[in-house]
Amino acid sequence: MDIEELRTTANLAMMELHEGEVARLSDAVSSILDYFSVMQQVDVSGLEPTTHALVEGNTVREDTENNNSINPENLVNRAPDNDNNHIVIPNVL
């Protein structure tokens, strides 16, 4: 990438480049663009697009009904302090 293109790109990205950075970044961006041209030569026909390098199945367990579920009324009654059908929590402030 030539220096003028780099300055234009930096201006569009709202970046301020100092003179010392321009030459160094020009070389770095040129090497990145060269690598992209190598990547374009790779045959990817027949490959499905993906958002991750390793796509695995869903790692979340299935929702199942628990036969040992706690009765909500018993849960409220087990609280240290309750008021009717509500658990009373002390004020923090």
N, C-alpha and C. Protein backbone atom coordinates (compact mmCIF):
# COMPACT_ATOMS: atom_id res chain seq x y z
N MET A 1 0.87 -1.17 0.00
CA MET A 1 0.00 0.00 0.00
C MET A 1 0.91 1.22 0.00
N ASP A 2 0.64 2.11 -0.91
CA ASP A 2 1.48 3.31 -0.94
C ASP A 2 1.06 4.27 0.17
N ILE A 3 1.91 5.21 0.44
CA ILE A 3 1.74 6.10 1.58
C ILE A 3 0.48 6.95 1.46
N GLU A 4 0.15 7.39 0.25
CA GLU A 4 -1.05 8.22 0.07
C GLU A 4 -2.32 7.41 0.36
N GLU A 5 -2.35 6.15 -0.08
CA GLU A 5 -3.51 5.29 0.23
C GLU A 5 -3.62 5.07 1.74
N LEU A 6 -2.50 4.89 2.39
CA LEU A 6 -2.50 4.68 3.84
C LEU A 6 -3.03 5.92 4.56
N ARG A 7 -2.60 7.08 4.13
CA ARG A 7 -3.10 8.32 4.75
C ARG A 7 -4.59 8.51 4.52
N THR A 8 -5.06 8.19 3.31
CA THR A 8 -6.49 8.30 3.00
C THR A 8 -7.29 7.32 3.87
N THR A 9 -6.80 6.09 3.98
CA THR A 9 -7.48 5.08 4.80
C THR A 9 -7.50 5.50 6.26
N ALA A 10 -6.39 6.01 6.76
CA ALA A 10 -6.33 6.48 8.15
C ALA A 10 -7.29 7.64 8.37
N ASN A 11 -7.39 8.53 7.40
CA ASN A 11 -8.31 9.66 7.50
C ASN A 11 -9.76 9.16 7.56
N LEU A 12 -10.10 8.19 6.72
CA LEU A 12 -11.46 7.64 6.73
C LEU A 12 -11.77 6.93 8.05
N ALA A 13 -10.75 6.32 8.65
CA ALA A 13 -10.92 5.64 9.93
C ALA A 13 -10.79 6.61 11.11
N MET A 14 -10.63 7.91 10.80
CA MET A 14 -10.48 8.96 11.81
C MET A 14 -9.29 8.68 12.72
N MET A 15 -8.17 8.25 12.10
CA MET A 15 -6.94 7.99 12.83
C MET A 15 -5.91 9.04 12.46
N GLU A 16 -5.16 9.46 13.43
CA GLU A 16 -4.10 10.42 13.17
C GLU A 16 -2.78 9.66 13.15
N LEU A 17 -2.05 9.73 12.04
CA LEU A 17 -0.77 9.04 11.92
C LEU A 17 0.36 10.05 11.94
N HIS A 18 1.38 9.76 12.72
CA HIS A 18 2.57 10.59 12.75
C HIS A 18 3.51 10.10 11.65
N GLU A 19 4.43 10.95 11.23
CA GLU A 19 5.32 10.62 10.10
C GLU A 19 6.10 9.34 10.33
N GLY A 20 6.54 9.09 11.57
CA GLY A 20 7.29 7.89 11.87
C GLY A 20 6.46 6.62 11.72
N GLU A 21 5.15 6.74 11.93
CA GLU A 21 4.26 5.59 11.83
C GLU A 21 3.92 5.25 10.39
N VAL A 22 3.90 6.24 9.52
CA VAL A 22 3.43 6.05 8.15
C VAL A 22 4.26 5.01 7.41
N ALA A 23 5.58 5.13 7.43
CA ALA A 23 6.44 4.18 6.69
C ALA A 23 6.34 2.78 7.28
N ARG A 24 6.34 2.69 8.62
CA ARG A 24 6.26 1.39 9.28
C ARG A 24 4.92 0.71 8.99
N LEU A 25 3.84 1.47 9.09
CA LEU A 25 2.52 0.90 8.83
C LEU A 25 2.32 0.57 7.36
N SER A 26 2.90 1.34 6.48
CA SER A 26 2.79 1.05 5.06
C SER A 26 3.37 -0.32 4.75
N ASP A 27 4.52 -0.63 5.32
CA ASP A 27 5.13 -1.96 5.12
C ASP A 27 4.27 -3.06 5.74
N ALA A 28 3.75 -2.81 6.94
CA ALA A 28 2.94 -3.82 7.63
C ALA A 28 1.65 -4.10 6.87
N VAL A 29 0.97 -3.05 6.43
CA VAL A 29 -0.28 -3.22 5.68
C VAL A 29 -0.01 -3.91 4.35
N SER A 30 1.08 -3.60 3.70
CA SER A 30 1.43 -4.26 2.44
C SER A 30 1.64 -5.75 2.64
N SER A 31 2.29 -6.14 3.74
CA SER A 31 2.50 -7.57 3.98
C SER A 31 1.17 -8.27 4.30
N ILE A 32 0.26 -7.59 4.98
CA ILE A 32 -1.07 -8.16 5.25
C ILE A 32 -1.83 -8.35 3.94
N LEU A 33 -1.80 -7.35 3.07
CA LEU A 33 -2.49 -7.45 1.79
C LEU A 33 -1.89 -8.55 0.92
N ASP A 34 -0.55 -8.74 0.98
CA ASP A 34 0.08 -9.84 0.26
C ASP A 34 -0.41 -11.18 0.77
N TYR A 35 -0.57 -11.30 2.09
CA TYR A 35 -1.07 -12.54 2.67
C TYR A 35 -2.51 -12.79 2.23
N PHE A 36 -3.33 -11.75 2.17
CA PHE A 36 -4.70 -11.90 1.70
C PHE A 36 -4.73 -12.42 0.26
N SER A 37 -3.82 -11.96 -0.57
CA SER A 37 -3.79 -12.43 -1.95
C SER A 37 -3.43 -13.92 -2.00
N VAL A 38 -2.57 -14.38 -1.09
CA VAL A 38 -2.26 -15.82 -1.00
C VAL A 38 -3.51 -16.59 -0.57
N MET A 39 -4.25 -16.04 0.38
CA MET A 39 -5.46 -16.71 0.86
C MET A 39 -6.52 -16.81 -0.23
N GLN A 40 -6.58 -15.84 -1.14
CA GLN A 40 -7.57 -15.88 -2.21
C GLN A 40 -7.30 -17.02 -3.19
N GLN A 41 -6.10 -17.55 -3.21
CA GLN A 41 -5.76 -18.64 -4.11
C GLN A 41 -6.21 -20.00 -3.59
N VAL A 42 -6.62 -20.08 -2.33
CA VAL A 42 -7.05 -21.34 -1.73
C VAL A 42 -8.43 -21.69 -2.27
N ASP A 43 -8.60 -22.96 -2.70
CA ASP A 43 -9.88 -23.42 -3.24
C ASP A 43 -10.81 -23.76 -2.07
N VAL A 44 -11.87 -22.99 -1.93
CA VAL A 44 -12.83 -23.21 -0.85
C VAL A 44 -14.20 -23.61 -1.42
N SER A 45 -14.23 -24.00 -2.68
CA SER A 45 -15.51 -24.40 -3.27
C SER A 45 -15.99 -25.66 -2.57
N GLY A 46 -17.27 -25.69 -2.26
CA GLY A 46 -17.87 -26.83 -1.58
C GLY A 46 -17.83 -26.72 -0.06
N LEU A 47 -17.17 -25.71 0.48
CA LEU A 47 -17.14 -25.53 1.92
C LEU A 47 -18.27 -24.61 2.35
N GLU A 48 -18.96 -25.01 3.40
CA GLU A 48 -20.06 -24.20 3.92
C GLU A 48 -19.49 -23.04 4.74
N PRO A 49 -20.09 -21.85 4.62
CA PRO A 49 -19.66 -20.74 5.47
C PRO A 49 -19.93 -21.06 6.94
N THR A 50 -19.07 -20.57 7.82
CA THR A 50 -19.25 -20.81 9.25
C THR A 50 -18.82 -19.58 10.03
N THR A 51 -19.31 -19.48 11.25
CA THR A 51 -18.93 -18.36 12.12
C THR A 51 -17.85 -18.77 13.10
N HIS A 52 -17.55 -20.07 13.19
CA HIS A 52 -16.55 -20.56 14.12
C HIS A 52 -15.67 -21.59 13.41
N ALA A 53 -14.44 -21.68 13.85
CA ALA A 53 -13.52 -22.66 13.25
C ALA A 53 -13.94 -24.08 13.60
N LEU A 54 -14.35 -24.31 14.82
CA LEU A 54 -14.79 -25.63 15.26
C LEU A 54 -16.24 -25.55 15.68
N VAL A 55 -17.13 -26.08 14.87
CA VAL A 55 -18.55 -26.04 15.18
C VAL A 55 -18.91 -27.34 15.87
N GLU A 56 -19.34 -27.24 17.11
CA GLU A 56 -19.77 -28.40 17.87
C GLU A 56 -21.26 -28.26 18.11
N GLY A 57 -21.85 -29.34 18.57
CA GLY A 57 -23.28 -29.32 18.85
C GLY A 57 -23.59 -28.46 20.06
N ASN A 58 -24.86 -28.33 20.34
CA ASN A 58 -25.32 -27.55 21.47
C ASN A 58 -24.82 -28.19 22.76
N THR A 59 -24.19 -27.42 23.62
CA THR A 59 -23.66 -27.96 24.86
C THR A 59 -24.60 -27.75 26.03
N VAL A 60 -25.78 -27.22 25.78
CA VAL A 60 -26.75 -26.99 26.83
C VAL A 60 -27.60 -28.24 26.99
N ARG A 61 -27.85 -28.63 28.22
CA ARG A 61 -28.63 -29.84 28.45
C ARG A 61 -30.09 -29.62 28.07
N GLU A 62 -30.79 -30.69 27.83
CA GLU A 62 -32.22 -30.63 27.52
C GLU A 62 -33.00 -30.23 28.77
N ASP A 63 -34.05 -29.45 28.59
CA ASP A 63 -34.94 -29.13 29.69
C ASP A 63 -35.84 -30.33 29.94
N THR A 64 -35.82 -30.82 31.15
CA THR A 64 -36.67 -31.95 31.51
C THR A 64 -37.41 -31.62 32.79
N GLU A 65 -38.54 -32.24 32.95
CA GLU A 65 -39.33 -32.03 34.16
C GLU A 65 -38.70 -32.83 35.29
N ASN A 66 -38.49 -32.17 36.40
CA ASN A 66 -37.88 -32.81 37.56
C ASN A 66 -38.99 -33.31 38.46
N ASN A 67 -39.04 -34.59 38.67
CA ASN A 67 -40.10 -35.16 39.52
C ASN A 67 -39.89 -34.81 40.99
N ASN A 68 -38.70 -34.37 41.35
CA ASN A 68 -38.40 -34.01 42.72
C ASN A 68 -38.55 -32.51 42.95
N SER A 69 -39.38 -31.85 42.14
CA SER A 69 -39.50 -30.40 42.25
C SER A 69 -40.08 -30.02 43.61
N ILE A 70 -39.67 -28.85 44.08
CA ILE A 70 -40.07 -28.37 45.39
C ILE A 70 -41.38 -27.61 45.25
N ASN A 71 -42.28 -27.86 46.14
CA ASN A 71 -43.56 -27.17 46.18
C ASN A 71 -43.28 -25.71 46.57
N PRO A 72 -43.74 -24.72 45.80
CA PRO A 72 -43.45 -23.31 46.11
C PRO A 72 -43.89 -22.90 47.52
N GLU A 73 -45.01 -23.41 48.00
CA GLU A 73 -45.47 -23.05 49.34
C GLU A 73 -44.49 -23.56 50.40
N ASN A 74 -43.98 -24.78 50.21
CA ASN A 74 -43.02 -25.32 51.16
C ASN A 74 -41.72 -24.53 51.12
N LEU A 75 -41.34 -24.07 49.95
CA LEU A 75 -40.11 -23.29 49.81
C LEU A 75 -40.21 -21.98 50.58
N VAL A 76 -41.35 -21.29 50.47
CA VAL A 76 -41.54 -20.03 51.19
C VAL A 76 -41.56 -20.30 52.69
N ASN A 77 -42.18 -21.37 53.10
CA ASN A 77 -42.25 -21.68 54.53
C ASN A 77 -40.89 -22.05 55.10
N ARG A 78 -39.96 -22.52 54.27
CA ARG A 78 -38.62 -22.88 54.73
C ARG A 78 -37.71 -21.67 54.87
N ALA A 79 -38.11 -20.50 54.37
CA ALA A 79 -37.30 -19.29 54.46
C ALA A 79 -37.22 -18.83 55.91
N PRO A 80 -36.10 -18.22 56.32
CA PRO A 80 -35.96 -17.77 57.71
C PRO A 80 -37.02 -16.76 58.12
N ASP A 81 -37.44 -15.92 57.17
CA ASP A 81 -38.47 -14.92 57.48
C ASP A 81 -39.39 -14.81 56.28
N ASN A 82 -40.69 -15.02 56.50
CA ASN A 82 -41.63 -14.91 55.39
C ASN A 82 -42.87 -14.18 55.84
N ASP A 83 -43.56 -13.63 54.86
CA ASP A 83 -44.78 -12.88 55.12
C ASP A 83 -45.80 -13.35 54.11
N ASN A 84 -46.77 -14.14 54.55
CA ASN A 84 -47.80 -14.70 53.69
C ASN A 84 -47.11 -15.58 52.64
N ASN A 85 -47.14 -15.24 51.38
CA ASN A 85 -46.51 -16.05 50.32
C ASN A 85 -45.23 -15.41 49.80
N HIS A 86 -44.57 -14.58 50.60
CA HIS A 86 -43.38 -13.89 50.17
C HIS A 86 -42.23 -14.14 51.13
N ILE A 87 -41.02 -14.23 50.58
CA ILE A 87 -39.84 -14.33 51.40
C ILE A 87 -39.40 -12.93 51.76
N VAL A 88 -39.16 -12.66 53.03
CA VAL A 88 -38.77 -11.34 53.50
C VAL A 88 -37.24 -11.29 53.52
N ILE A 89 -36.69 -10.28 52.84
CA ILE A 89 -35.24 -10.10 52.76
C ILE A 89 -34.92 -8.79 53.47
N PRO A 90 -33.91 -8.79 54.36
CA PRO A 90 -33.60 -7.55 55.08
C PRO A 90 -33.10 -6.46 54.14
N ASN A 91 -33.37 -5.21 54.52
CA ASN A 91 -32.90 -4.08 53.74
C ASN A 91 -31.38 -4.04 53.75
N VAL A 92 -30.80 -3.72 52.60
CA VAL A 92 -29.35 -3.66 52.49
C VAL A 92 -28.84 -2.27 52.84
N LEU A 93 -29.58 -1.26 52.46
CA LEU A 93 -29.12 0.11 52.69
C LEU A 93 -29.45 0.60 54.07
